[in-house]
Amino acid sequence: MSKTFVEPVQLADRGVRLVPLSLEHEAGLREAAADGELWNLRVTSVPEPQETRAYIEQALAMREAGSRFAFAVTDEASGAVLGSTSFHDILPAVKRVEIGYTWYARRAQRTHVNTTCKLLMLAHAFDALGCHVVGWRTDNFNFASQAAIERLGAKKDGVIRGHALRRDGTIRDTVMYSLRAGEWPEVKAQLLYLLDKPRPAARS
């Protein structure tokens, strides 16, 4: 298999467009992270403002190496950057990818954006790339992320103890999840149900 298992592609639905992350997104990414000062969350990898360019450059280097393909999450109508997400730990030989490095501006949180992104990425992984498994990993203290992954229908594989450093220097345990190709049709139906059901009106 070539290292370009995940080829450049744009994915779009319901007003959300995923486009390959590039240096052109630096200002938009910095602005999205500033909406909520997301870099202050110890259980995420959101770049601080002065680190945004290096964050993109690292993602591009990992893309060149074939281990990660990062997207800018954008508003299709305005082109505004809402956040970022990636395929990573790409293993072409066994047709497995993971979804991660995911974060959104505060204004995009608790909206349809994350569910739409997961639908687009899972559909691309299973239907276009022919993946057998899609995985996720998250900090053992990132309970919101764990709940969101479990709502997708992913199965908890286990916990890797003492697995990685957090940005504050503490050592985290990593919770691992996965979804198999045979489980995708049911998960797809559930995601479409969640996206199509009426959403409560926003409070003024």
N, C-alpha and C. Protein backbone atom coordinates (compact mmCIF):
# COMPACT_ATOMS: atom_id res chain seq x y z
N MET A 1 0.85 -1.19 0.00
CA MET A 1 0.00 0.00 0.00
C MET A 1 0.88 1.25 0.00
N SER A 2 0.43 2.27 -0.68
CA SER A 2 1.17 3.52 -0.67
C SER A 2 0.87 4.27 0.62
N LYS A 3 1.78 5.19 0.96
CA LYS A 3 1.58 5.94 2.19
C LYS A 3 0.49 6.98 2.03
N THR A 4 -0.03 7.18 0.82
CA THR A 4 -1.11 8.13 0.61
C THR A 4 -2.45 7.40 0.63
N PHE A 5 -2.65 6.56 1.62
CA PHE A 5 -3.90 5.84 1.79
C PHE A 5 -5.08 6.81 1.86
N VAL A 6 -4.90 7.91 2.60
CA VAL A 6 -5.92 8.96 2.65
C VAL A 6 -5.49 10.06 1.69
N GLU A 7 -6.14 10.13 0.55
CA GLU A 7 -5.82 11.14 -0.46
C GLU A 7 -6.52 12.45 -0.13
N PRO A 8 -5.99 13.58 -0.62
CA PRO A 8 -6.67 14.86 -0.40
C PRO A 8 -8.11 14.83 -0.91
N VAL A 9 -9.02 15.29 -0.08
CA VAL A 9 -10.44 15.26 -0.43
C VAL A 9 -11.16 16.33 0.38
N GLN A 10 -12.25 16.85 -0.17
CA GLN A 10 -13.13 17.73 0.58
C GLN A 10 -14.43 16.97 0.83
N LEU A 11 -14.93 17.08 2.05
CA LEU A 11 -16.17 16.40 2.45
C LEU A 11 -17.15 17.46 2.95
N ALA A 12 -18.39 17.41 2.48
CA ALA A 12 -19.34 18.45 2.86
C ALA A 12 -20.74 17.90 3.02
N ASP A 13 -21.47 18.46 3.99
CA ASP A 13 -22.88 18.14 4.21
C ASP A 13 -23.44 19.12 5.22
N ARG A 14 -24.68 19.48 5.07
CA ARG A 14 -25.41 20.27 6.07
C ARG A 14 -24.69 21.54 6.47
N GLY A 15 -24.08 22.21 5.49
CA GLY A 15 -23.45 23.49 5.75
C GLY A 15 -22.06 23.41 6.35
N VAL A 16 -21.55 22.19 6.52
CA VAL A 16 -20.20 21.99 7.08
C VAL A 16 -19.31 21.43 5.97
N ARG A 17 -18.11 21.98 5.82
CA ARG A 17 -17.17 21.47 4.83
C ARG A 17 -15.83 21.19 5.49
N LEU A 18 -15.32 19.98 5.26
CA LEU A 18 -13.98 19.61 5.72
C LEU A 18 -13.04 19.77 4.54
N VAL A 19 -12.01 20.58 4.71
CA VAL A 19 -11.03 20.81 3.65
C VAL A 19 -9.64 20.49 4.20
N PRO A 20 -8.74 19.99 3.36
CA PRO A 20 -7.40 19.68 3.85
C PRO A 20 -6.76 20.89 4.53
N LEU A 21 -6.26 20.69 5.74
CA LEU A 21 -5.65 21.78 6.50
C LEU A 21 -4.40 22.28 5.79
N SER A 22 -4.26 23.60 5.70
CA SER A 22 -3.09 24.20 5.07
C SER A 22 -2.71 25.45 5.83
N LEU A 23 -1.56 26.02 5.47
CA LEU A 23 -1.10 27.25 6.12
C LEU A 23 -2.05 28.41 5.88
N GLU A 24 -2.86 28.32 4.84
CA GLU A 24 -3.84 29.37 4.57
C GLU A 24 -4.89 29.46 5.69
N HIS A 25 -5.00 28.41 6.49
CA HIS A 25 -6.00 28.40 7.57
C HIS A 25 -5.45 28.94 8.88
N GLU A 26 -4.22 29.45 8.87
CA GLU A 26 -3.60 29.86 10.14
C GLU A 26 -4.44 30.88 10.90
N ALA A 27 -4.84 31.96 10.24
CA ALA A 27 -5.59 33.01 10.92
C ALA A 27 -6.95 32.49 11.39
N GLY A 28 -7.62 31.72 10.54
CA GLY A 28 -8.93 31.20 10.91
C GLY A 28 -8.85 30.22 12.06
N LEU A 29 -7.81 29.40 12.06
CA LEU A 29 -7.63 28.43 13.14
C LEU A 29 -7.33 29.14 14.46
N ARG A 30 -6.51 30.18 14.38
CA ARG A 30 -6.19 30.94 15.59
C ARG A 30 -7.46 31.59 16.16
N GLU A 31 -8.28 32.12 15.28
CA GLU A 31 -9.52 32.77 15.71
C GLU A 31 -10.49 31.75 16.32
N ALA A 32 -10.57 30.56 15.71
CA ALA A 32 -11.46 29.53 16.24
C ALA A 32 -11.03 29.10 17.64
N ALA A 33 -9.73 28.92 17.83
CA ALA A 33 -9.23 28.51 19.14
C ALA A 33 -9.45 29.59 20.19
N ALA A 34 -9.42 30.87 19.75
CA ALA A 34 -9.62 31.97 20.68
C ALA A 34 -11.06 32.05 21.18
N ASP A 35 -11.99 31.47 20.43
CA ASP A 35 -13.39 31.46 20.83
C ASP A 35 -13.56 30.42 21.93
N GLY A 36 -13.34 30.86 23.17
CA GLY A 36 -13.38 29.96 24.32
C GLY A 36 -12.02 29.71 24.93
N GLU A 37 -10.96 30.33 24.34
CA GLU A 37 -9.58 30.13 24.81
C GLU A 37 -9.32 28.64 25.06
N LEU A 38 -9.53 27.87 24.00
CA LEU A 38 -9.56 26.42 24.12
C LEU A 38 -8.21 25.82 24.51
N TRP A 39 -7.13 26.56 24.30
CA TRP A 39 -5.80 26.03 24.65
C TRP A 39 -5.63 25.88 26.16
N ASN A 40 -6.53 26.47 26.94
CA ASN A 40 -6.44 26.34 28.39
C ASN A 40 -7.01 25.03 28.92
N LEU A 41 -7.64 24.24 28.04
CA LEU A 41 -8.17 22.95 28.46
C LEU A 41 -7.03 21.94 28.51
N ARG A 42 -6.77 21.36 29.66
CA ARG A 42 -5.58 20.51 29.82
C ARG A 42 -5.73 19.16 29.13
N VAL A 43 -6.97 18.77 28.75
CA VAL A 43 -7.17 17.45 28.16
C VAL A 43 -7.35 17.51 26.64
N THR A 44 -7.00 18.64 26.02
CA THR A 44 -7.07 18.74 24.56
C THR A 44 -5.71 19.20 24.03
N SER A 45 -5.59 19.18 22.70
CA SER A 45 -4.33 19.57 22.06
C SER A 45 -4.48 20.83 21.22
N VAL A 46 -5.39 21.72 21.61
CA VAL A 46 -5.62 22.95 20.85
C VAL A 46 -4.39 23.85 20.96
N PRO A 47 -3.91 24.40 19.85
CA PRO A 47 -2.70 25.23 19.92
C PRO A 47 -2.95 26.59 20.56
N GLU A 48 -1.96 27.08 21.30
CA GLU A 48 -2.00 28.46 21.75
C GLU A 48 -1.80 29.36 20.54
N PRO A 49 -2.25 30.64 20.62
CA PRO A 49 -2.22 31.51 19.44
C PRO A 49 -0.87 31.54 18.73
N GLN A 50 0.22 31.67 19.50
CA GLN A 50 1.54 31.79 18.89
C GLN A 50 2.06 30.47 18.34
N GLU A 51 1.36 29.38 18.63
CA GLU A 51 1.79 28.05 18.17
C GLU A 51 0.97 27.53 16.99
N THR A 52 0.05 28.36 16.49
CA THR A 52 -0.87 27.90 15.46
C THR A 52 -0.13 27.46 14.19
N ARG A 53 0.83 28.27 13.75
CA ARG A 53 1.55 27.91 12.52
C ARG A 53 2.33 26.61 12.70
N ALA A 54 2.98 26.46 13.85
CA ALA A 54 3.73 25.22 14.12
C ALA A 54 2.79 24.03 14.18
N TYR A 55 1.59 24.23 14.70
CA TYR A 55 0.58 23.17 14.77
C TYR A 55 0.24 22.69 13.37
N ILE A 56 0.03 23.64 12.45
CA ILE A 56 -0.30 23.28 11.07
C ILE A 56 0.90 22.62 10.40
N GLU A 57 2.08 23.16 10.61
CA GLU A 57 3.28 22.59 9.99
C GLU A 57 3.51 21.15 10.46
N GLN A 58 3.26 20.89 11.74
CA GLN A 58 3.40 19.52 12.24
C GLN A 58 2.37 18.60 11.58
N ALA A 59 1.14 19.09 11.43
CA ALA A 59 0.11 18.28 10.78
C ALA A 59 0.49 17.98 9.33
N LEU A 60 1.06 18.96 8.64
CA LEU A 60 1.47 18.75 7.25
C LEU A 60 2.63 17.75 7.16
N ALA A 61 3.55 17.81 8.14
CA ALA A 61 4.66 16.86 8.16
C ALA A 61 4.15 15.44 8.39
N MET A 62 3.17 15.30 9.27
CA MET A 62 2.58 13.98 9.54
C MET A 62 1.80 13.48 8.32
N ARG A 63 1.18 14.41 7.59
CA ARG A 63 0.50 14.04 6.35
C ARG A 63 1.51 13.52 5.33
N GLU A 64 2.64 14.18 5.22
CA GLU A 64 3.68 13.75 4.29
C GLU A 64 4.20 12.36 4.66
N ALA A 65 4.26 12.09 5.96
CA ALA A 65 4.73 10.79 6.44
C ALA A 65 3.66 9.70 6.31
N GLY A 66 2.42 10.12 6.04
CA GLY A 66 1.34 9.16 5.87
C GLY A 66 0.67 8.73 7.15
N SER A 67 0.97 9.40 8.28
CA SER A 67 0.42 8.96 9.56
C SER A 67 -0.80 9.76 9.99
N ARG A 68 -1.03 10.93 9.39
CA ARG A 68 -2.15 11.78 9.80
C ARG A 68 -2.61 12.62 8.61
N PHE A 69 -3.92 12.81 8.49
CA PHE A 69 -4.46 13.72 7.49
C PHE A 69 -5.42 14.66 8.20
N ALA A 70 -5.01 15.93 8.32
CA ALA A 70 -5.77 16.92 9.08
C ALA A 70 -6.68 17.73 8.17
N PHE A 71 -7.86 18.03 8.70
CA PHE A 71 -8.83 18.88 8.01
C PHE A 71 -9.07 20.16 8.81
N ALA A 72 -9.35 21.24 8.09
CA ALA A 72 -9.98 22.40 8.70
C ALA A 72 -11.49 22.20 8.59
N VAL A 73 -12.19 22.37 9.68
CA VAL A 73 -13.66 22.31 9.67
C VAL A 73 -14.15 23.73 9.40
N THR A 74 -14.89 23.90 8.31
CA THR A 74 -15.30 25.24 7.91
C THR A 74 -16.81 25.35 7.74
N ASP A 75 -17.31 26.57 7.87
CA ASP A 75 -18.69 26.87 7.55
C ASP A 75 -18.78 27.01 6.03
N GLU A 76 -19.62 26.21 5.41
CA GLU A 76 -19.64 26.16 3.95
C GLU A 76 -20.06 27.49 3.34
N ALA A 77 -20.96 28.21 3.99
CA ALA A 77 -21.46 29.46 3.43
C ALA A 77 -20.43 30.58 3.51
N SER A 78 -19.80 30.73 4.67
CA SER A 78 -18.89 31.86 4.87
C SER A 78 -17.42 31.50 4.69
N GLY A 79 -17.09 30.22 4.78
CA GLY A 79 -15.70 29.80 4.73
C GLY A 79 -14.98 29.94 6.05
N ALA A 80 -15.68 30.42 7.09
CA ALA A 80 -15.05 30.62 8.40
C ALA A 80 -14.61 29.28 8.98
N VAL A 81 -13.43 29.28 9.60
CA VAL A 81 -12.91 28.07 10.23
C VAL A 81 -13.60 27.86 11.58
N LEU A 82 -14.14 26.66 11.79
CA LEU A 82 -14.84 26.33 13.02
C LEU A 82 -14.01 25.46 13.94
N GLY A 83 -12.93 24.87 13.41
CA GLY A 83 -12.10 23.98 14.21
C GLY A 83 -11.28 23.08 13.32
N SER A 84 -10.90 21.93 13.85
CA SER A 84 -10.07 21.00 13.09
C SER A 84 -10.34 19.57 13.56
N THR A 85 -10.11 18.62 12.66
CA THR A 85 -10.21 17.21 12.98
C THR A 85 -9.31 16.44 12.02
N SER A 86 -8.96 15.22 12.36
CA SER A 86 -7.98 14.47 11.57
C SER A 86 -8.29 12.98 11.53
N PHE A 87 -7.87 12.36 10.43
CA PHE A 87 -7.60 10.93 10.43
C PHE A 87 -6.15 10.78 10.91
N HIS A 88 -5.88 9.85 11.81
CA HIS A 88 -4.50 9.69 12.29
C HIS A 88 -4.25 8.22 12.60
N ASP A 89 -2.99 7.93 12.93
CA ASP A 89 -2.57 6.53 13.13
C ASP A 89 -3.12 5.66 11.99
N ILE A 90 -2.83 6.13 10.78
CA ILE A 90 -3.33 5.50 9.57
C ILE A 90 -2.52 4.24 9.28
N LEU A 91 -3.19 3.10 9.20
CA LEU A 91 -2.53 1.82 8.98
C LEU A 91 -3.11 1.17 7.71
N PRO A 92 -2.54 1.51 6.54
CA PRO A 92 -3.09 1.01 5.29
C PRO A 92 -3.11 -0.52 5.21
N ALA A 93 -2.11 -1.19 5.76
CA ALA A 93 -2.01 -2.64 5.60
C ALA A 93 -3.19 -3.38 6.22
N VAL A 94 -3.74 -2.82 7.30
CA VAL A 94 -4.89 -3.46 7.94
C VAL A 94 -6.17 -2.63 7.76
N LYS A 95 -6.06 -1.58 6.95
CA LYS A 95 -7.20 -0.70 6.64
C LYS A 95 -7.88 -0.20 7.92
N ARG A 96 -7.06 0.48 8.72
CA ARG A 96 -7.54 1.07 9.96
C ARG A 96 -7.09 2.53 10.03
N VAL A 97 -7.99 3.40 10.46
CA VAL A 97 -7.64 4.78 10.76
C VAL A 97 -8.26 5.11 12.12
N GLU A 98 -7.75 6.18 12.72
CA GLU A 98 -8.40 6.73 13.91
C GLU A 98 -8.85 8.14 13.59
N ILE A 99 -9.85 8.60 14.32
CA ILE A 99 -10.35 9.97 14.20
C ILE A 99 -9.99 10.69 15.49
N GLY A 100 -9.32 11.83 15.36
CA GLY A 100 -8.92 12.57 16.55
C GLY A 100 -8.36 13.93 16.22
N TYR A 101 -7.59 14.49 17.17
CA TYR A 101 -7.12 15.87 17.06
C TYR A 101 -8.32 16.78 16.76
N THR A 102 -9.46 16.48 17.39
CA THR A 102 -10.71 17.16 17.07
C THR A 102 -11.02 18.24 18.10
N TRP A 103 -11.29 19.43 17.63
CA TRP A 103 -11.73 20.51 18.52
C TRP A 103 -12.50 21.54 17.69
N TYR A 104 -13.39 22.25 18.38
CA TYR A 104 -14.24 23.23 17.71
C TYR A 104 -14.30 24.52 18.52
N ALA A 105 -14.45 25.63 17.81
CA ALA A 105 -14.70 26.91 18.47
C ALA A 105 -15.93 26.78 19.36
N ARG A 106 -15.95 27.54 20.42
CA ARG A 106 -17.06 27.42 21.37
C ARG A 106 -18.41 27.61 20.69
N ARG A 107 -18.48 28.51 19.70
CA ARG A 107 -19.75 28.78 19.04
C ARG A 107 -20.26 27.58 18.24
N ALA A 108 -19.35 26.66 17.90
CA ALA A 108 -19.75 25.47 17.11
C ALA A 108 -20.04 24.27 18.00
N GLN A 109 -19.72 24.38 19.28
CA GLN A 109 -19.96 23.26 20.19
C GLN A 109 -21.45 23.14 20.50
N ARG A 110 -21.91 21.94 20.75
CA ARG A 110 -23.32 21.66 21.04
C ARG A 110 -24.22 22.08 19.88
N THR A 111 -23.69 21.99 18.68
CA THR A 111 -24.47 22.19 17.46
C THR A 111 -24.39 20.90 16.64
N HIS A 112 -24.88 20.97 15.41
CA HIS A 112 -24.83 19.79 14.53
C HIS A 112 -23.45 19.55 13.94
N VAL A 113 -22.50 20.44 14.21
CA VAL A 113 -21.20 20.39 13.51
C VAL A 113 -20.46 19.09 13.80
N ASN A 114 -20.31 18.72 15.07
CA ASN A 114 -19.54 17.52 15.38
C ASN A 114 -20.19 16.27 14.82
N THR A 115 -21.51 16.14 14.96
CA THR A 115 -22.20 14.96 14.44
C THR A 115 -22.03 14.88 12.92
N THR A 116 -22.12 16.02 12.25
CA THR A 116 -21.94 16.06 10.79
C THR A 116 -20.53 15.64 10.41
N CYS A 117 -19.53 16.15 11.14
CA CYS A 117 -18.15 15.79 10.84
C CYS A 117 -17.93 14.29 11.02
N LYS A 118 -18.49 13.72 12.08
CA LYS A 118 -18.30 12.28 12.31
C LYS A 118 -18.98 11.48 11.21
N LEU A 119 -20.16 11.90 10.78
CA LEU A 119 -20.85 11.21 9.69
C LEU A 119 -20.00 11.25 8.41
N LEU A 120 -19.46 12.43 8.09
CA LEU A 120 -18.65 12.57 6.88
C LEU A 120 -17.39 11.72 6.95
N MET A 121 -16.71 11.74 8.09
CA MET A 121 -15.44 11.03 8.20
C MET A 121 -15.64 9.52 8.26
N LEU A 122 -16.66 9.08 8.98
CA LEU A 122 -16.92 7.65 9.04
C LEU A 122 -17.36 7.12 7.67
N ALA A 123 -18.19 7.88 6.97
CA ALA A 123 -18.61 7.46 5.64
C ALA A 123 -17.41 7.37 4.70
N HIS A 124 -16.49 8.33 4.80
CA HIS A 124 -15.31 8.30 3.94
C HIS A 124 -14.42 7.11 4.30
N ALA A 125 -14.25 6.88 5.60
CA ALA A 125 -13.38 5.78 6.03
C ALA A 125 -13.93 4.43 5.61
N PHE A 126 -15.20 4.19 5.86
CA PHE A 126 -15.76 2.87 5.58
C PHE A 126 -16.17 2.69 4.12
N ASP A 127 -16.82 3.72 3.55
CA ASP A 127 -17.40 3.56 2.22
C ASP A 127 -16.41 3.87 1.09
N ALA A 128 -15.53 4.86 1.31
CA ALA A 128 -14.58 5.23 0.25
C ALA A 128 -13.23 4.53 0.41
N LEU A 129 -12.72 4.47 1.64
CA LEU A 129 -11.40 3.87 1.87
C LEU A 129 -11.47 2.37 2.14
N GLY A 130 -12.65 1.87 2.42
CA GLY A 130 -12.80 0.44 2.68
C GLY A 130 -12.18 0.00 3.99
N CYS A 131 -12.18 0.88 4.99
CA CYS A 131 -11.57 0.52 6.28
C CYS A 131 -12.36 -0.60 6.96
N HIS A 132 -11.61 -1.43 7.68
CA HIS A 132 -12.22 -2.47 8.50
C HIS A 132 -12.58 -1.94 9.89
N VAL A 133 -11.77 -1.00 10.37
CA VAL A 133 -11.94 -0.48 11.73
C VAL A 133 -11.62 1.02 11.74
N VAL A 134 -12.41 1.78 12.50
CA VAL A 134 -12.09 3.17 12.82
C VAL A 134 -11.97 3.28 14.33
N GLY A 135 -10.91 3.91 14.79
CA GLY A 135 -10.67 4.02 16.23
C GLY A 135 -10.69 5.44 16.73
N TRP A 136 -10.79 5.57 18.04
CA TRP A 136 -10.66 6.85 18.74
C TRP A 136 -9.84 6.62 19.99
N ARG A 137 -9.18 7.65 20.47
CA ARG A 137 -8.49 7.60 21.76
C ARG A 137 -8.71 8.93 22.45
N THR A 138 -8.82 8.91 23.74
CA THR A 138 -9.06 10.15 24.47
C THR A 138 -8.50 10.07 25.88
N ASP A 139 -8.29 11.21 26.47
CA ASP A 139 -7.78 11.33 27.84
C ASP A 139 -8.77 10.70 28.82
N ASN A 140 -8.24 9.99 29.80
CA ASN A 140 -9.13 9.35 30.77
C ASN A 140 -9.94 10.36 31.58
N PHE A 141 -9.52 11.61 31.63
CA PHE A 141 -10.28 12.64 32.32
C PHE A 141 -11.14 13.48 31.37
N ASN A 142 -11.11 13.19 30.08
CA ASN A 142 -11.94 13.93 29.13
C ASN A 142 -13.29 13.20 29.01
N PHE A 143 -14.11 13.39 30.04
CA PHE A 143 -15.37 12.65 30.11
C PHE A 143 -16.34 13.06 29.02
N ALA A 144 -16.30 14.34 28.61
CA ALA A 144 -17.19 14.79 27.54
C ALA A 144 -16.85 14.07 26.23
N SER A 145 -15.56 13.93 25.95
CA SER A 145 -15.13 13.23 24.74
C SER A 145 -15.53 11.76 24.79
N GLN A 146 -15.34 11.12 25.95
CA GLN A 146 -15.71 9.72 26.08
C GLN A 146 -17.20 9.53 25.85
N ALA A 147 -18.01 10.43 26.42
CA ALA A 147 -19.46 10.32 26.24
C ALA A 147 -19.84 10.51 24.78
N ALA A 148 -19.18 11.45 24.11
CA ALA A 148 -19.50 11.71 22.70
C ALA A 148 -19.14 10.51 21.83
N ILE A 149 -18.00 9.89 22.11
CA ILE A 149 -17.58 8.71 21.34
C ILE A 149 -18.55 7.56 21.59
N GLU A 150 -18.94 7.37 22.83
CA GLU A 150 -19.86 6.28 23.16
C GLU A 150 -21.23 6.51 22.53
N ARG A 151 -21.65 7.77 22.42
CA ARG A 151 -22.94 8.06 21.77
C ARG A 151 -22.92 7.67 20.30
N LEU A 152 -21.73 7.67 19.70
CA LEU A 152 -21.63 7.25 18.30
C LEU A 152 -21.91 5.76 18.13
N GLY A 153 -21.77 5.01 19.20
CA GLY A 153 -21.92 3.56 19.11
C GLY A 153 -20.60 2.83 19.10
N ALA A 154 -19.49 3.54 19.29
CA ALA A 154 -18.18 2.89 19.34
C ALA A 154 -18.05 2.05 20.60
N LYS A 155 -17.27 0.99 20.51
CA LYS A 155 -17.05 0.10 21.64
C LYS A 155 -15.73 0.45 22.34
N LYS A 156 -15.75 0.40 23.67
CA LYS A 156 -14.55 0.68 24.45
C LYS A 156 -13.64 -0.54 24.42
N ASP A 157 -12.42 -0.35 23.90
CA ASP A 157 -11.46 -1.45 23.81
C ASP A 157 -10.68 -1.64 25.10
N GLY A 158 -10.46 -0.54 25.83
CA GLY A 158 -9.68 -0.63 27.06
C GLY A 158 -8.96 0.67 27.35
N VAL A 159 -8.09 0.62 28.34
CA VAL A 159 -7.34 1.79 28.78
C VAL A 159 -5.85 1.46 28.76
N ILE A 160 -5.08 2.34 28.11
CA ILE A 160 -3.62 2.22 28.14
C ILE A 160 -3.12 3.14 29.24
N ARG A 161 -2.54 2.56 30.27
CA ARG A 161 -2.14 3.34 31.44
C ARG A 161 -0.76 3.97 31.22
N GLY A 162 -0.61 5.21 31.73
CA GLY A 162 0.67 5.90 31.61
C GLY A 162 1.10 6.07 30.17
N HIS A 163 0.18 6.52 29.30
CA HIS A 163 0.38 6.43 27.85
C HIS A 163 0.99 7.67 27.22
N ALA A 164 0.67 8.87 27.73
CA ALA A 164 1.11 10.08 27.04
C ALA A 164 1.18 11.25 28.01
N LEU A 165 1.92 12.28 27.60
CA LEU A 165 2.01 13.50 28.39
C LEU A 165 0.89 14.46 28.03
N ARG A 166 0.30 15.09 29.04
CA ARG A 166 -0.60 16.22 28.80
C ARG A 166 0.23 17.48 28.62
N ARG A 167 -0.43 18.54 28.18
CA ARG A 167 0.29 19.79 27.95
C ARG A 167 0.85 20.38 29.25
N ASP A 168 0.25 20.01 30.41
CA ASP A 168 0.75 20.54 31.69
C ASP A 168 1.84 19.66 32.29
N GLY A 169 2.28 18.62 31.54
CA GLY A 169 3.37 17.79 32.00
C GLY A 169 2.95 16.56 32.78
N THR A 170 1.67 16.46 33.14
CA THR A 170 1.20 15.26 33.82
C THR A 170 1.04 14.12 32.81
N ILE A 171 1.05 12.90 33.33
CA ILE A 171 0.96 11.72 32.47
C ILE A 171 -0.47 11.20 32.47
N ARG A 172 -1.00 10.99 31.30
CA ARG A 172 -2.40 10.57 31.18
C ARG A 172 -2.52 9.09 30.87
N ASP A 173 -3.66 8.53 31.28
CA ASP A 173 -4.11 7.24 30.76
C ASP A 173 -4.95 7.54 29.52
N THR A 174 -4.91 6.64 28.54
CA THR A 174 -5.64 6.84 27.29
C THR A 174 -6.73 5.79 27.15
N VAL A 175 -7.97 6.25 26.92
CA VAL A 175 -9.10 5.36 26.71
C VAL A 175 -9.24 5.11 25.21
N MET A 176 -9.28 3.85 24.80
CA MET A 176 -9.34 3.47 23.39
C MET A 176 -10.73 2.94 23.03
N TYR A 177 -11.21 3.36 21.86
CA TYR A 177 -12.51 2.92 21.34
C TYR A 177 -12.34 2.50 19.89
N SER A 178 -13.30 1.71 19.39
CA SER A 178 -13.27 1.36 17.98
C SER A 178 -14.66 1.04 17.47
N LEU A 179 -14.78 1.12 16.15
CA LEU A 179 -16.01 0.78 15.44
C LEU A 179 -15.62 -0.08 14.24
N ARG A 180 -16.27 -1.22 14.07
CA ARG A 180 -15.97 -2.11 12.96
C ARG A 180 -16.90 -1.86 11.79
N ALA A 181 -16.46 -2.25 10.60
CA ALA A 181 -17.23 -2.00 9.39
C ALA A 181 -18.65 -2.56 9.48
N GLY A 182 -18.79 -3.73 10.10
CA GLY A 182 -20.11 -4.34 10.21
C GLY A 182 -21.07 -3.56 11.10
N GLU A 183 -20.52 -2.72 11.96
CA GLU A 183 -21.35 -1.90 12.86
C GLU A 183 -21.72 -0.56 12.25
N TRP A 184 -21.07 -0.20 11.14
CA TRP A 184 -21.25 1.12 10.53
C TRP A 184 -22.67 1.38 10.05
N PRO A 185 -23.37 0.46 9.38
CA PRO A 185 -24.71 0.79 8.91
C PRO A 185 -25.66 1.25 10.02
N GLU A 186 -25.60 0.58 11.17
CA GLU A 186 -26.47 0.97 12.29
C GLU A 186 -26.05 2.33 12.85
N VAL A 187 -24.76 2.55 12.96
CA VAL A 187 -24.27 3.83 13.46
C VAL A 187 -24.64 4.95 12.49
N LYS A 188 -24.51 4.70 11.20
CA LYS A 188 -24.89 5.70 10.20
C LYS A 188 -26.36 6.07 10.33
N ALA A 189 -27.22 5.08 10.49
CA ALA A 189 -28.64 5.34 10.65
C ALA A 189 -28.91 6.20 11.89
N GLN A 190 -28.18 5.92 12.97
CA GLN A 190 -28.36 6.69 14.21
C GLN A 190 -27.89 8.13 14.03
N LEU A 191 -26.76 8.33 13.36
CA LEU A 191 -26.26 9.69 13.13
C LEU A 191 -27.24 10.48 12.27
N LEU A 192 -27.76 9.86 11.24
CA LEU A 192 -28.74 10.55 10.38
C LEU A 192 -30.01 10.89 11.16
N TYR A 193 -30.42 9.98 12.04
CA TYR A 193 -31.59 10.25 12.89
C TYR A 193 -31.33 11.47 13.78
N LEU A 194 -30.17 11.53 14.38
CA LEU A 194 -29.85 12.65 15.27
C LEU A 194 -29.80 13.97 14.50
N LEU A 195 -29.28 13.91 13.27
CA LEU A 195 -29.16 15.14 12.48
C LEU A 195 -30.51 15.60 11.93
N ASP A 196 -31.40 14.66 11.68
CA ASP A 196 -32.67 15.01 11.04
C ASP A 196 -33.78 15.36 12.03
N LYS A 197 -33.61 14.96 13.29
CA LYS A 197 -34.70 15.26 14.23
C LYS A 197 -34.67 16.75 14.57
N PRO A 198 -35.83 17.33 14.84
CA PRO A 198 -35.90 18.78 15.13
C PRO A 198 -35.04 19.12 16.33
N ARG A 199 -34.35 20.23 16.24
CA ARG A 199 -33.52 20.70 17.35
C ARG A 199 -34.32 21.73 18.13
N PRO A 200 -34.19 21.77 19.46
CA PRO A 200 -34.92 22.79 20.24
C PRO A 200 -34.46 24.19 19.86
N ALA A 201 -35.39 25.11 19.90
CA ALA A 201 -35.05 26.49 19.55
C ALA A 201 -34.08 27.06 20.58
N ALA A 202 -33.12 27.85 20.09
CA ALA A 202 -32.13 28.47 20.98
C ALA A 202 -32.81 29.50 21.88
N ARG A 203 -32.37 29.54 23.12
CA ARG A 203 -32.91 30.53 24.05
C ARG A 203 -32.26 31.89 23.80
N SER A 204 -33.07 32.92 23.92
CA SER A 204 -32.52 34.27 23.69
C SER A 204 -31.92 34.80 24.97
